[in-house]
Protein backbone atom coordinates (compact mmCIF):
# COMPACT_ATOMS: atom_id res chain seq x y z
CA MET A 1 123.99 167.99 72.45
CA THR A 2 123.84 170.78 69.89
CA ILE A 3 125.59 174.14 70.15
CA ILE A 4 125.11 177.59 68.58
CA PHE A 5 127.80 180.27 68.58
CA LYS A 6 127.37 183.81 69.84
CA ASN A 7 127.41 186.45 67.10
CA SER A 8 127.02 183.77 64.45
CA ILE A 9 125.35 184.36 61.11
CA CYS A 10 121.96 182.75 60.76
CA PHE A 11 121.39 181.83 57.14
CA SER A 12 117.95 182.25 55.71
CA LEU A 13 117.71 179.89 52.79
CA VAL A 14 115.96 180.68 49.55
CA LEU A 15 113.14 178.42 48.45
CA LEU A 16 112.02 178.62 44.83
CA LEU A 17 108.59 177.34 43.90
CA GLN A 18 106.81 176.96 40.60
CA VAL A 19 103.78 175.01 41.72
CA ILE A 20 100.83 174.36 39.47
CA SER A 21 98.80 172.36 41.96
CA ALA A 22 98.64 172.93 45.72
CA ASP A 23 98.12 169.22 46.34
CA LEU A 24 101.39 167.92 44.92
CA PHE A 25 100.96 164.33 45.95
CA ALA A 26 97.23 163.73 45.54
CA GLN A 27 96.70 160.20 44.34
CA SER A 28 93.93 161.38 42.06
CA GLU A 29 96.38 163.62 40.18
CA ARG A 30 98.78 161.02 38.86
CA ASP A 31 99.44 163.09 35.75
CA GLN A 32 100.86 165.92 37.88
CA LYS A 33 104.66 165.92 37.84
CA LEU A 34 107.11 167.23 40.44
CA ILE A 35 110.81 168.10 40.08
CA LEU A 36 112.63 168.61 43.39
CA ILE A 37 116.13 170.09 43.01
CA HIS A 38 118.59 170.26 45.90
CA VAL A 39 121.22 173.00 45.40
CA ASP A 40 123.88 172.43 48.01
CA GLY A 41 125.06 175.44 49.99
CA LEU A 42 122.78 178.03 48.36
CA SER A 43 122.41 180.91 50.83
CA LEU A 44 119.95 183.77 50.54
CA PRO A 45 122.45 186.67 50.62
CA HIS A 46 124.48 185.25 47.74
CA PHE A 47 121.39 184.32 45.75
CA LEU A 48 119.76 187.74 46.08
CA ASP A 49 122.99 189.56 45.29
CA GLU A 50 123.57 187.52 42.13
CA LYS A 51 119.92 187.97 41.18
CA GLU A 52 120.16 191.76 41.55
CA ARG A 53 123.31 191.79 39.43
CA GLY A 54 121.41 190.03 36.65
CA ASN A 55 123.58 186.91 36.86
CA LEU A 56 120.66 184.49 37.37
CA PRO A 57 118.31 185.42 34.52
CA ASN A 58 116.71 182.01 34.06
CA LEU A 59 115.82 181.48 37.71
CA THR A 60 114.54 185.05 37.92
CA ALA A 61 112.36 184.76 34.83
CA TYR A 62 110.97 181.33 35.67
CA PHE A 63 110.02 181.85 39.31
CA GLY A 64 109.29 185.57 39.24
CA VAL A 65 108.75 187.42 42.50
CA GLU A 66 105.91 185.34 43.90
CA GLY A 67 107.84 182.08 43.46
CA ILE A 68 110.79 183.10 45.63
CA ILE A 69 110.26 182.53 49.36
CA LYS A 70 113.03 184.47 51.09
CA ASN A 71 112.45 183.85 54.79
CA THR A 72 112.80 180.13 55.24
CA VAL A 73 114.61 178.03 57.82
CA THR A 74 116.43 174.82 57.05
CA TYR A 75 116.58 171.72 59.22
CA PHE A 76 118.74 172.02 62.32
CA PRO A 77 121.49 170.98 62.45
CA SER A 78 121.84 172.13 58.84
CA LYS A 79 124.17 169.36 57.78
CA THR A 80 123.79 167.85 54.31
CA PRO A 81 123.23 164.25 55.55
CA THR A 82 120.56 165.45 58.00
CA VAL A 83 118.66 167.46 55.41
CA ILE A 84 118.83 164.84 52.66
CA SER A 85 117.74 161.97 54.90
CA SER A 86 114.97 164.05 56.51
CA VAL A 87 113.53 165.24 53.20
CA LYS A 88 113.74 161.79 51.67
CA ASP A 89 111.92 160.09 54.53
CA GLY A 90 109.60 163.01 55.34
CA VAL A 91 110.62 163.14 59.00
CA THR A 92 111.90 165.70 61.49
CA PRO A 93 115.66 165.75 62.28
CA ASP A 94 115.23 163.93 65.59
CA ASN A 95 113.89 160.97 63.61
CA ALA A 96 116.26 161.32 60.66
CA ALA A 97 118.50 158.44 59.68
CA LEU A 98 121.54 160.75 59.79
CA ALA A 99 121.90 163.49 62.39
CA GLY A 100 125.05 165.12 61.03
CA TRP A 101 128.44 163.91 59.82
CA ILE A 102 129.08 161.57 62.77
CA GLN A 103 126.74 159.00 64.29
CA THR A 104 126.56 156.61 67.19
CA ASP A 105 124.63 153.38 67.47
CA GLU A 106 121.28 153.17 69.26
CA ASN A 107 123.04 152.60 72.57
CA GLY A 108 125.27 155.66 72.10
CA ASN A 109 128.45 153.61 71.93
CA ASN A 110 130.11 152.87 68.60
CA VAL A 111 130.93 156.00 66.58
CA ARG A 112 130.63 156.07 62.80
CA GLY A 113 132.71 158.80 61.18
CA MET A 114 132.37 160.92 58.07
CA VAL A 115 133.25 158.20 55.54
CA SER A 116 130.64 155.80 56.87
CA THR A 117 128.06 158.60 57.10
CA PHE A 118 128.84 159.76 53.56
CA LEU A 119 128.33 156.28 52.15
CA GLN A 120 125.07 155.82 54.04
CA MET A 121 123.84 159.19 52.74
CA ALA A 122 124.88 158.34 49.18
CA PHE A 123 123.08 155.02 49.07
CA SER A 124 120.01 156.22 50.95
CA LYS A 125 119.11 158.54 48.09
CA PRO A 126 116.89 157.53 45.17
CA ARG A 127 118.84 155.09 43.00
CA MET A 128 119.01 157.29 39.92
CA ALA A 129 120.23 160.26 41.99
CA THR A 130 123.16 158.43 43.61
CA THR A 131 125.58 159.45 40.85
CA ASN A 132 124.74 163.12 41.48
CA LEU A 133 127.31 162.98 44.30
CA ILE A 134 130.04 162.04 41.81
CA TYR A 135 129.12 165.04 39.65
CA GLY A 136 129.92 167.30 42.58
CA ILE A 137 133.61 166.34 42.45
CA PRO A 138 135.51 169.16 40.69
CA ILE A 139 137.22 166.79 38.23
CA LEU A 140 133.90 165.30 37.13
CA ASP A 141 131.59 168.24 37.72
CA ASN A 142 131.08 169.01 34.02
CA LEU A 143 128.79 165.97 33.96
CA ALA A 144 126.28 167.63 36.32
CA GLY A 145 124.74 169.78 33.60
CA PRO A 146 124.15 166.96 31.09
CA ALA A 147 122.74 164.84 33.93
CA MET A 148 120.18 167.54 34.72
CA GLN A 149 119.11 167.59 31.09
CA ASN A 150 118.00 163.95 31.44
CA ILE A 151 115.15 164.99 33.75
CA PRO A 152 112.51 165.45 30.98
CA THR A 153 113.23 161.93 29.74
CA TYR A 154 112.69 160.44 33.20
CA LEU A 155 109.44 162.41 33.59
CA ARG A 156 107.91 160.15 30.96
CA ASP A 157 108.04 157.25 33.43
CA TYR A 158 108.12 158.90 36.87
CA ASP A 159 105.84 161.41 38.56
CA VAL A 160 108.51 162.72 40.96
CA ILE A 161 112.15 163.41 40.09
CA GLN A 162 114.72 164.46 42.69
CA PHE A 163 118.01 165.94 41.50
CA PHE A 164 121.04 167.00 43.58
CA TRP A 165 123.38 169.81 42.48
CA TYR A 166 126.50 169.67 44.65
CA LYS A 167 128.90 171.79 42.58
CA THR A 168 128.11 175.00 44.44
CA ASP A 169 129.20 173.59 47.79
CA THR A 170 132.25 171.62 46.62
CA HIS A 171 133.66 174.52 44.60
CA ALA A 172 133.17 176.81 47.60
CA HIS A 173 135.17 174.49 49.84
CA PHE A 174 137.92 173.79 47.30
CA TYR A 175 138.29 177.17 45.59
CA GLY A 176 136.49 179.92 47.53
CA GLU A 177 133.79 182.50 46.99
CA GLU A 178 134.53 183.52 43.39
CA ARG A 179 134.21 179.97 42.12
CA TYR A 180 131.15 179.44 44.28
CA LEU A 181 129.38 182.37 42.61
CA LYS A 182 130.49 181.07 39.22
CA GLN A 183 128.79 177.76 39.96
CA LEU A 184 125.54 179.55 40.84
CA GLN A 185 125.67 181.04 37.37
CA VAL A 186 126.43 177.64 35.83
CA PHE A 187 123.40 176.20 37.59
CA ASP A 188 121.25 179.04 36.25
CA ARG A 189 122.37 178.33 32.68
CA GLU A 190 121.70 174.61 32.98
CA PHE A 191 118.33 175.31 34.59
CA GLY A 192 117.50 177.56 31.65
CA LYS A 193 118.21 174.69 29.24
CA LEU A 194 116.05 172.37 31.35
CA ILE A 195 112.94 174.53 31.58
CA ARG A 196 112.84 175.03 27.81
CA ARG A 197 112.20 171.28 27.53
CA LEU A 198 109.61 170.98 30.30
CA PRO A 199 105.84 170.87 29.80
CA ASP A 200 103.86 173.71 31.36
CA ASP A 201 102.13 171.59 34.01
CA VAL A 202 105.26 170.49 35.90
CA ASN A 203 105.76 171.58 39.52
CA VAL A 204 109.34 172.69 40.25
CA VAL A 205 110.79 173.20 43.75
CA ILE A 206 114.40 174.27 44.37
CA TYR A 207 115.69 174.21 47.94
CA SER A 208 118.99 174.17 49.81
CA ASP A 209 120.36 172.49 52.91
CA HIS A 210 122.49 175.33 54.28
CA GLY A 211 124.23 178.56 53.36
CA LEU A 212 127.90 179.47 53.22
CA THR A 213 130.13 182.19 54.60
CA PHE A 214 133.67 183.03 53.58
CA GLY A 215 136.64 184.39 55.45
CA GLU A 216 137.94 183.58 58.91
CA GLY A 217 135.75 181.10 60.74
CA ILE A 218 135.33 180.00 64.35
CA ASP A 219 136.74 176.71 65.55
CA LEU A 220 136.17 175.88 69.20
CA GLY A 221 137.14 172.24 68.94
CA ASN A 222 140.04 172.50 71.38
CA GLU A 223 137.97 174.44 73.89
CA VAL A 224 135.09 171.98 73.67
CA GLU A 225 137.46 169.06 74.21
CA ALA A 226 139.08 170.78 77.19
CA ILE A 227 135.75 171.52 78.88
CA VAL A 228 134.07 168.17 78.26
CA GLY A 229 137.27 166.19 78.88
CA ASP A 230 137.16 162.42 79.03
CA ASP A 231 133.39 162.48 78.79
CA LEU A 232 133.64 163.45 75.10
CA LEU A 233 132.77 160.46 72.92
CA ALA A 234 132.67 162.31 69.59
CA TYR A 235 132.36 165.88 68.31
CA SER A 236 131.45 167.28 64.90
CA PHE A 237 130.00 170.78 64.94
CA PRO A 238 127.36 171.32 66.11
CA THR A 239 126.88 167.92 67.73
CA LEU A 240 128.47 166.36 70.81
CA TYR A 241 128.17 162.73 71.86
CA LEU A 242 128.91 162.05 75.53
CA ASN A 243 130.13 158.95 77.30
CA ASP A 244 127.84 159.86 80.19
CA PRO A 245 124.63 161.46 78.82
CA ASP A 246 123.47 162.12 82.39
CA ARG A 247 126.04 164.92 82.57
CA ALA A 248 124.66 166.72 79.51
CA ALA A 249 123.17 169.57 81.56
CA THR A 250 126.47 170.24 83.32
CA HIS A 251 128.51 170.26 80.11
CA ALA A 252 125.90 172.41 78.36
CA LYS A 253 126.12 175.08 81.07
CA ASN A 254 129.93 175.03 81.12
CA LEU A 255 130.13 175.47 77.35
CA VAL A 256 127.88 178.52 77.47
CA ASP A 257 129.70 180.01 80.48
CA HIS A 258 133.27 179.56 79.22
CA THR A 259 133.19 179.75 75.40
CA ALA A 260 131.67 181.81 72.58
CA ILE A 261 128.80 179.32 72.43
CA ALA A 262 125.52 181.09 73.13
CA VAL A 263 122.96 178.27 73.28
CA THR A 264 123.06 174.53 73.78
CA PHE A 265 120.36 171.91 73.29
CA TYR A 266 120.53 168.50 74.86
CA ARG A 267 118.31 165.48 75.15
CA GLY A 268 117.51 164.51 78.72
CA GLY A 269 117.65 160.96 79.95
């Protein structure tokens, strides 16, 4: 079951495209290169505000106006494991290997928590991109920039390079909005160094998994647990796992009627 809050902010994510060829993956165009960069937690309001302030000069100059797609929608639920596994495998979220930060087995019984999910996400990525997760840790995050500068070297041997920039999201969670905006600027500087070393015929796509908001949040965990009761197998916003899936419709209605949750989705038996 998936839930959406009333009066919640819906993030439109920014998608940046510098595409030379419309058919990115045509087998006949093996000399065409693609760089796919995941910037974790990059939301449209913050991006546009920093762009207008002149704090993202390299991204602005490289993509121009036509290369910035403002009105885009991420996967739902917009959890990092869901987006990464869906993009990697080219599937919709209902077929993704990871549907959020908690999972159950195929029979809906055994629950795997955040640590297990994190490890599965880490090792499901392309081998050379696995260490990108480490570069998102604040103590080691200065290595993210030099790692990005290795992309032109790898392009000599690979047609598609995927890179993950996690510093924006981790700094937001650890330090708040000011440091988050600082990391957007750091990414812009490192991206500027990168593009000066790229050939002209490389396709570049930058995308994000979700946005971020700062300030007082909404936590309905206690209310959800009280309403669902003993039927609650596991809960990690916005996903519920039930001991008795046949009661999904009843719980969905009760959550909408008695909490700030506006909409619920559930899979019928």
